[in-house]
C-alpha cells in the first residue's frame, strides 16, 4: 500500500515538474541558458547618448516620412515615478515631464544624432495644470498622407479637485490614454482627447485599430498589432506570445500561441534579476537582452522564431525593451525604458558598403 502511494506521489511530482517547475526554472529564470556574444551576429551596433534619449520606453517608425518617434522620460526619473513597477515618488518626476523626441533616420549628420529634436505638445493641461506628460507606451495611426494620430499611455499622479497631489502610494497613478495629432513635417503635437476609464487601470501598451480607436493592455503584458490585423500579446513573466483576433463588441479571441522559451517584453527578452539592479541605478547597471524575430511567411503556415541579436556582456545592447526594424535599411532601433542611451544596429553588409 505504501509503495503504491509513493509511486503515485512520484508521478504527481514528475507531472508538476514537467507542467510548471521545468518551464519556470529553464525558461523564465533561465537556469542553464547559454547567451551568445554580440560578435556572433551580423550587426554593427552602437549607442547614442543624449538627455532627450534617456529612458525611452516606446518608439514608432514613420516609414514614409523616415522619422523615428520616441517617448522618453529620463532614466533617473523612471526610477522614481514608474507606477508599473511600484515606484510612486511624485516629487521625483522630471519637472518638464516625459518628452517626445524625433530622429530623421536617413540623416545621421556630423554629430551622429540624426537631427534629434524635441516635439512640442500643446493643448493638454496635465494633472496640476502644467501640461506635463508621464508617458509609457504609445502607438500611431496614419490618418492621411499629412496627418498622424498618437495614442499615448499617460501615468499622471493622483490629485484632488484643487489639483493638489494625493498619496500615490495609496491610490496609485491616474492612468489615461492621451490622443494627439501631428502634421507631418511639423514639431507641434496638438492634444485632441483624453480617454479615462476604469478599464484603463494599469495600461502598458496601446495599439491603434485603424479606425481612430485603440486597444490597450494592462500590466504586465504588452500588445503589438501586425499587418495581418491580429494582435500579438507577449507576457514578461511567461515564455509565450498569444495571437489574438478581434471579435464583435471589442472582444479579442486567442487563436494561436507562439512559444519563445524566454519571458518576452515587446520584442526583446530582459534578464529579470539583472533588471532590478538597473532599476536601482540605471547609469551604472544594465541587463542583458535577447532580440527575436517572429515571422510568418504565408497564411496558414506556422510561426518562425529566430534569435536576431544577443549581447551576453551587455557591452552595447544592454537594457533593451523595445525594438523597431527598418525594412528599407535593415537597421534595428533599440531602446530601453531605463537606459540613458538608445542603440542602433546596422547590418554588417550595409556597413561594409559605405
Protein backbone atom coordinates (compact mmCIF):
# COMPACT_ATOMS: atom_id res chain seq x y z
CA UNK A 1 0.00 0.00 0.00
CA UNK A 2 2.78 2.39 0.96
CA UNK A 3 4.71 1.59 -2.20
CA UNK A 4 1.63 2.45 -4.32
CA UNK A 5 1.21 5.77 -2.52
CA UNK A 6 4.89 6.57 -3.05
CA UNK A 7 4.57 5.72 -6.73
CA UNK A 8 1.51 7.95 -7.10
CA UNK A 9 3.27 10.76 -5.27
CA UNK A 10 6.30 10.45 -7.55
CA UNK A 11 4.08 10.57 -10.62
CA UNK A 12 2.34 13.70 -9.34
CA UNK A 13 5.67 15.36 -8.57
CA UNK A 14 7.00 14.45 -12.02
CA UNK A 15 3.87 15.82 -13.68
CA UNK A 16 4.05 19.04 -11.64
CA UNK A 17 7.72 19.46 -12.60
CA UNK A 18 7.01 18.98 -16.31
CA UNK A 19 3.99 21.27 -16.33
CA UNK A 20 5.18 24.10 -14.07
CA UNK A 21 8.61 23.89 -12.46
CA UNK A 22 10.61 22.99 -15.56
CA UNK A 23 9.26 25.94 -17.52
CA UNK A 24 9.76 28.29 -14.56
CA UNK A 25 13.39 27.25 -13.99
CA UNK A 26 14.64 26.91 -17.56
CA UNK A 27 12.50 29.39 -19.49
CA UNK A 28 11.55 32.13 -17.02
CA UNK A 29 14.51 32.11 -14.60
CA UNK A 30 16.95 30.95 -17.28
CA UNK A 31 18.77 28.13 -15.48
CA UNK A 32 21.36 26.67 -17.86
CA UNK A 33 20.67 29.24 -20.59
CA UNK A 34 23.70 29.94 -22.78
CA UNK A 35 23.99 33.52 -24.01
CA UNK A 36 25.91 34.46 -27.15
CA UNK A 37 28.40 37.25 -27.80
CA UNK A 38 27.24 40.15 -29.94
CA UNK A 39 30.11 39.49 -32.39
CA UNK A 40 28.37 36.29 -33.49
CA UNK A 41 25.52 38.23 -35.06
CA UNK A 42 25.59 40.09 -38.41
CA UNK A 43 25.16 43.58 -36.95
CA UNK A 44 27.42 46.50 -36.14
CA UNK A 45 25.91 48.22 -33.11
CA UNK A 46 26.49 51.50 -31.31
CA UNK A 47 24.96 53.58 -28.57
CA UNK A 48 23.72 57.15 -28.90
CA UNK A 49 23.59 59.21 -25.72
CA UNK A 50 21.70 62.45 -25.20
CA UNK A 51 19.39 63.80 -22.50
CA UNK A 52 16.48 63.65 -24.96
CA UNK A 53 17.14 59.94 -25.48
CA UNK A 54 17.09 58.70 -21.88
CA UNK A 55 14.52 56.25 -20.59
CA UNK A 56 12.68 55.79 -23.89
CA UNK A 57 10.00 53.21 -23.15
CA UNK A 58 8.45 53.07 -26.61
CA UNK A 59 9.21 54.08 -30.20
CA UNK A 60 7.35 54.28 -33.50
CA UNK A 61 8.81 54.46 -37.01
CA UNK A 62 7.15 56.55 -39.73
CA UNK A 63 8.32 54.57 -42.73
CA UNK A 64 7.04 57.11 -45.25
CA UNK A 65 8.49 60.26 -43.67
CA UNK A 66 11.56 58.37 -42.39
CA UNK A 67 11.19 59.68 -38.83
CA UNK A 68 11.55 57.71 -35.60
CA UNK A 69 9.47 58.99 -32.68
CA UNK A 70 10.49 58.14 -29.10
CA UNK A 71 8.62 58.59 -25.79
CA UNK A 72 11.33 59.33 -23.21
CA UNK A 73 11.01 60.13 -19.51
CA UNK A 74 14.65 60.21 -18.37
CA UNK A 75 16.48 57.25 -16.84
CA UNK A 76 16.83 58.67 -13.33
CA UNK A 77 13.24 59.88 -13.23
CA UNK A 78 11.90 56.48 -14.26
CA UNK A 79 13.46 55.03 -11.11
CA UNK A 80 11.35 57.46 -9.04
CA UNK A 81 7.99 57.71 -10.80
CA UNK A 82 7.21 54.42 -12.50
CA UNK A 83 3.86 53.06 -11.28
CA UNK A 84 4.11 49.98 -13.49
CA UNK A 85 6.97 48.74 -11.26
CA UNK A 86 5.73 50.19 -7.98
CA UNK A 87 7.67 53.47 -7.95
CA UNK A 88 5.42 56.30 -6.66
CA UNK A 89 7.75 59.17 -5.76
CA UNK A 90 5.78 62.07 -7.26
CA UNK A 91 8.49 64.60 -6.35
CA UNK A 92 11.00 62.52 -8.33
CA UNK A 93 9.22 63.11 -11.65
CA UNK A 94 11.06 65.11 -14.28
CA UNK A 95 9.89 68.71 -13.93
CA UNK A 96 9.13 69.04 -17.63
CA UNK A 97 7.61 65.56 -17.77
CA UNK A 98 8.06 63.00 -20.50
CA UNK A 99 9.32 64.20 -23.85
CA UNK A 100 8.60 63.08 -27.39
CA UNK A 101 11.81 63.06 -29.41
CA UNK A 102 12.23 62.59 -33.15
CA UNK A 103 15.09 61.32 -35.32
CA UNK A 104 15.48 61.68 -39.09
CA UNK A 105 16.74 58.16 -39.60
CA UNK A 106 18.29 58.72 -43.05
CA UNK A 107 20.23 61.82 -41.95
CA UNK A 108 22.76 60.88 -39.24
CA UNK A 109 24.59 64.23 -39.51
CA UNK A 110 28.12 65.05 -38.41
CA UNK A 111 27.24 64.56 -34.75
CA UNK A 112 25.55 61.19 -35.35
CA UNK A 113 22.33 62.35 -33.68
CA UNK A 114 20.09 62.05 -36.74
CA UNK A 115 18.79 65.60 -36.46
CA UNK A 116 17.47 64.90 -32.95
CA UNK A 117 14.70 67.29 -31.95
CA UNK A 118 12.11 67.57 -29.22
CA UNK A 119 8.46 67.65 -30.25
CA UNK A 120 6.27 70.28 -28.63
CA UNK A 121 2.97 69.11 -27.13
CA UNK A 122 0.20 71.68 -26.80
CA UNK A 123 -3.40 71.72 -25.60
CA UNK A 124 -3.03 69.29 -22.68
CA UNK A 125 -3.34 70.73 -19.16
CA UNK A 126 -1.80 67.89 -17.18
CA UNK A 127 -2.67 66.72 -13.68
CA UNK A 128 -1.80 70.03 -11.98
CA UNK A 129 -2.18 72.39 -14.94
CA UNK A 130 1.47 72.41 -16.02
CA UNK A 131 0.91 70.39 -19.21
CA UNK A 132 3.39 67.64 -18.30
CA UNK A 133 3.02 64.07 -19.54
CA UNK A 134 4.19 60.83 -17.93
CA UNK A 135 4.25 58.52 -20.92
CA UNK A 136 4.80 54.81 -21.22
CA UNK A 137 3.69 53.04 -24.39
CA UNK A 138 2.20 54.65 -27.46
CA UNK A 139 1.10 53.87 -30.99
CA UNK A 140 0.45 55.96 -34.08
CA UNK A 141 -2.22 55.76 -36.75
CA UNK A 142 -1.64 57.26 -40.17
CA UNK A 143 -4.83 59.25 -40.73
CA UNK A 144 -3.85 60.69 -44.12
CA UNK A 145 -0.76 61.50 -46.18
CA UNK A 146 -0.14 64.51 -43.94
CA UNK A 147 -1.70 63.65 -40.57
CA UNK A 148 -0.70 61.27 -37.76
CA UNK A 149 -2.66 60.39 -34.62
CA UNK A 150 -0.74 59.43 -31.47
CA UNK A 151 -2.41 57.40 -28.69
CA UNK A 152 -0.21 57.60 -25.61
CA UNK A 153 -0.38 55.88 -22.22
CA UNK A 154 -0.09 58.56 -19.54
CA UNK A 155 0.58 57.79 -15.86
CA UNK A 156 -0.31 61.10 -14.29
CA UNK A 157 -0.18 61.40 -10.47
CA UNK A 158 -3.44 61.48 -8.50
CA UNK A 159 -4.72 64.92 -7.49
CA UNK A 160 -7.77 66.30 -5.72
CA UNK A 161 -10.34 68.73 -7.16
CA UNK A 162 -7.99 71.62 -6.37
CA UNK A 163 -5.16 69.92 -8.28
CA UNK A 164 -3.19 69.15 -5.14
CA UNK A 165 -1.22 65.93 -5.08
CA UNK A 166 -2.72 62.97 -3.24
CA UNK A 167 -0.93 59.92 -1.82
CA UNK A 168 0.14 57.98 -4.91
CA UNK A 169 1.39 55.02 -2.84
CA UNK A 170 -2.12 54.52 -1.51
CA UNK A 171 -4.12 55.48 -4.60
CA UNK A 172 -1.79 54.57 -7.46
CA UNK A 173 -1.50 56.56 -10.67
CA UNK A 174 -4.38 58.18 -12.52
CA UNK A 175 -3.81 56.37 -15.80
CA UNK A 176 -5.23 57.71 -19.05
CA UNK A 177 -4.66 57.47 -22.77
CA UNK A 178 -3.98 60.85 -24.36
CA UNK A 179 -4.58 61.42 -28.06
CA UNK A 180 -2.54 63.91 -30.08
CA UNK A 181 -2.45 64.76 -33.74
CA UNK A 182 0.59 65.81 -35.74
CA UNK A 183 1.01 67.20 -39.23
CA UNK A 184 3.97 65.52 -40.91
CA UNK A 185 6.91 67.90 -41.03
CA UNK A 186 5.69 69.90 -38.03
CA UNK A 187 7.10 69.81 -34.49
CA UNK A 188 3.74 70.63 -32.86
CA UNK A 189 1.62 67.82 -31.43
CA UNK A 190 -1.91 69.03 -30.69
CA UNK A 191 -3.93 67.40 -27.91
CA UNK A 192 -7.26 66.03 -29.14
CA UNK A 193 -8.81 63.93 -26.40
CA UNK A 194 -8.30 62.18 -23.06
CA UNK A 195 -9.55 58.63 -22.53
CA UNK A 196 -10.13 57.82 -18.86
CA UNK A 197 -11.97 54.67 -17.80
CA UNK A 198 -11.91 52.06 -15.05
CA UNK A 199 -10.86 49.54 -17.70
CA UNK A 200 -7.68 51.59 -18.27
CA UNK A 201 -6.31 50.66 -14.86
CA UNK A 202 -2.60 49.93 -15.33
CA UNK A 203 -2.07 50.31 -19.10
CA UNK A 204 1.25 49.33 -20.61
CA UNK A 205 0.84 49.47 -24.36
CA UNK A 206 -1.74 50.67 -26.84
CA UNK A 207 -2.26 49.55 -30.43
CA UNK A 208 -4.12 51.64 -32.99
CA UNK A 209 -7.08 49.83 -34.54
CA UNK A 210 -7.02 51.71 -37.83
CA UNK A 211 -10.40 53.40 -37.39
CA UNK A 212 -9.38 56.16 -34.98
CA UNK A 213 -9.56 53.90 -31.92
CA UNK A 214 -7.12 51.78 -29.99
CA UNK A 215 -6.84 48.71 -27.81
CA UNK A 216 -4.80 48.67 -24.61
CA UNK A 217 -3.29 46.06 -22.33
CA UNK A 218 -2.90 46.41 -18.59
CA UNK A 219 0.33 45.31 -16.89
CA UNK A 220 2.06 43.00 -17.10
CA UNK A 221 1.58 42.43 -20.80
CA UNK A 222 2.10 44.42 -23.96
CA UNK A 223 0.42 44.38 -27.32
CA UNK A 224 1.62 44.67 -30.91
CA UNK A 225 -0.68 44.84 -33.91
CA UNK A 226 0.58 43.06 -37.00
CA UNK A 227 -0.10 43.89 -40.63
CA UNK A 228 -2.37 40.83 -40.71
CA UNK A 229 -4.83 42.60 -38.40
CA UNK A 230 -4.04 40.27 -35.50
CA UNK A 231 -2.75 41.34 -32.09
CA UNK A 232 0.37 39.76 -30.59
CA UNK A 233 0.39 39.86 -26.80
CA UNK A 234 3.63 38.83 -25.05
CA UNK A 235 3.86 38.47 -21.30
CA UNK A 236 7.01 39.41 -19.42
CA UNK A 237 6.54 36.58 -16.90
CA UNK A 238 6.00 33.68 -19.28
CA UNK A 239 7.53 32.36 -22.47
CA UNK A 240 4.61 32.56 -24.84
CA UNK A 241 3.01 35.14 -27.11
CA UNK A 242 -0.75 34.99 -27.55
CA UNK A 243 -2.08 35.66 -31.03
CA UNK A 244 -5.43 37.42 -30.70
CA UNK A 245 -8.11 38.04 -33.32
CA UNK A 246 -10.63 40.89 -32.91
CA UNK A 247 -14.21 39.77 -32.40
CA UNK A 248 -17.50 41.70 -32.35
CA UNK A 249 -18.11 44.10 -29.44
CA UNK A 250 -14.40 44.69 -28.88
CA UNK A 251 -13.54 41.17 -27.71
CA UNK A 252 -10.19 39.58 -28.54
CA UNK A 253 -10.06 35.81 -29.05
CA UNK A 254 -6.87 33.81 -28.71
CA UNK A 255 -6.33 31.82 -31.91
CA UNK A 256 -2.71 30.73 -31.54
CA UNK A 257 0.29 30.59 -29.19
CA UNK A 258 3.91 31.26 -30.09
CA UNK A 259 6.48 29.63 -27.82
CA UNK A 260 9.73 31.60 -27.41
CA UNK A 261 11.37 29.72 -24.49
CA UNK A 262 12.11 33.01 -22.72
CA UNK A 263 9.87 35.58 -21.00
CA UNK A 264 9.17 38.29 -23.57
CA UNK A 265 8.79 42.06 -23.13
CA UNK A 266 7.90 43.61 -26.50
CA UNK A 267 10.40 42.16 -28.99
CA UNK A 268 13.31 41.73 -26.60
CA UNK A 269 13.96 39.48 -23.61
CA UNK A 270 15.33 41.07 -20.42
CA UNK A 271 17.05 39.15 -17.64
CA UNK A 272 14.63 39.74 -14.74
CA UNK A 273 17.06 39.78 -11.81
CA UNK A 274 19.57 41.99 -13.60
CA UNK A 275 16.75 44.41 -14.38
CA UNK A 276 16.30 45.02 -10.63
CA UNK A 277 19.86 46.36 -10.36
CA UNK A 278 19.28 48.62 -13.36
CA UNK A 279 16.13 49.96 -11.72
CA UNK A 280 18.20 51.00 -8.71
CA UNK A 281 21.00 52.63 -10.73
CA UNK A 282 20.42 52.80 -14.50
CA UNK A 283 23.66 54.71 -15.14
CA UNK A 284 25.95 52.03 -13.73
CA UNK A 285 23.96 48.83 -14.18
CA UNK A 286 22.16 47.30 -17.12
CA UNK A 287 20.80 43.90 -18.06
CA UNK A 288 21.35 41.52 -20.92
CA UNK A 289 18.67 41.18 -23.56
CA UNK A 290 17.82 38.94 -26.48
CA UNK A 291 16.05 40.21 -29.59
CA UNK A 292 13.82 37.86 -31.55
CA UNK A 293 12.18 37.91 -34.94
CA UNK A 294 8.82 36.20 -35.20
CA UNK A 295 7.86 35.67 -38.80
CA UNK A 296 5.00 34.07 -40.68
CA UNK A 297 5.90 33.68 -44.33
CA UNK A 298 2.42 32.99 -45.69
CA UNK A 299 -1.17 32.45 -44.49
CA UNK A 300 -1.70 29.03 -42.97
CA UNK A 301 1.97 28.46 -42.21
CA UNK A 302 3.45 28.28 -38.74
CA UNK A 303 5.48 30.93 -37.00
CA UNK A 304 9.26 31.04 -37.34
CA UNK A 305 11.01 32.22 -34.17
CA UNK A 306 14.58 33.35 -34.78
CA UNK A 307 17.13 34.94 -32.48
CA UNK A 308 18.30 38.12 -34.23
CA UNK A 309 20.69 39.60 -31.69
CA UNK A 310 22.16 38.98 -28.26
CA UNK A 311 24.91 40.60 -26.24
CA UNK A 312 25.92 38.36 -23.37
CA UNK A 313 28.17 41.02 -21.84
CA UNK A 314 25.73 43.90 -22.48
CA UNK A 315 28.66 45.83 -23.96
CA UNK A 316 26.42 47.70 -26.39
CA UNK A 317 22.96 46.14 -26.43
CA UNK A 318 22.04 46.29 -22.77
CA UNK A 319 18.73 47.04 -21.09
CA UNK A 320 16.74 46.63 -24.30
CA UNK A 321 12.95 46.53 -24.01
CA UNK A 322 11.73 47.81 -27.40
CA UNK A 323 12.90 47.23 -30.97
CA UNK A 324 11.90 48.62 -34.35
CA UNK A 325 13.16 47.16 -37.62
CA UNK A 326 13.62 49.48 -40.60
CA UNK A 327 12.81 47.36 -43.63
CA UNK A 328 14.47 49.78 -46.05
CA UNK A 329 17.93 49.70 -44.47
CA UNK A 330 17.73 46.60 -42.26
CA UNK A 331 18.65 48.70 -39.23
CA UNK A 332 17.44 47.87 -35.74
CA UNK A 333 16.49 50.78 -33.49
CA UNK A 334 16.58 49.60 -29.87
CA UNK A 335 15.58 51.40 -26.69
CA UNK A 336 15.19 50.56 -23.02
CA UNK A 337 12.78 52.02 -20.52
CA UNK A 338 15.72 52.70 -18.16
CA UNK A 339 18.73 53.09 -20.44
CA UNK A 340 20.47 56.50 -20.66
CA UNK A 341 21.03 55.83 -24.37
CA UNK A 342 19.43 54.27 -27.42
CA UNK A 343 21.05 51.60 -29.58
CA UNK A 344 21.30 51.40 -33.36
CA UNK A 345 22.43 48.25 -35.14
CA UNK A 346 23.32 48.24 -38.85
CA UNK A 347 23.54 45.02 -40.86
CA UNK A 348 27.23 44.38 -41.46
CA UNK A 349 26.79 44.25 -45.22
CA UNK A 350 25.38 47.78 -45.09
CA UNK A 351 28.33 48.94 -43.02
CA UNK A 352 30.80 47.37 -45.44
CA UNK A 353 29.17 49.00 -48.45
CA UNK A 354 29.61 52.56 -47.13
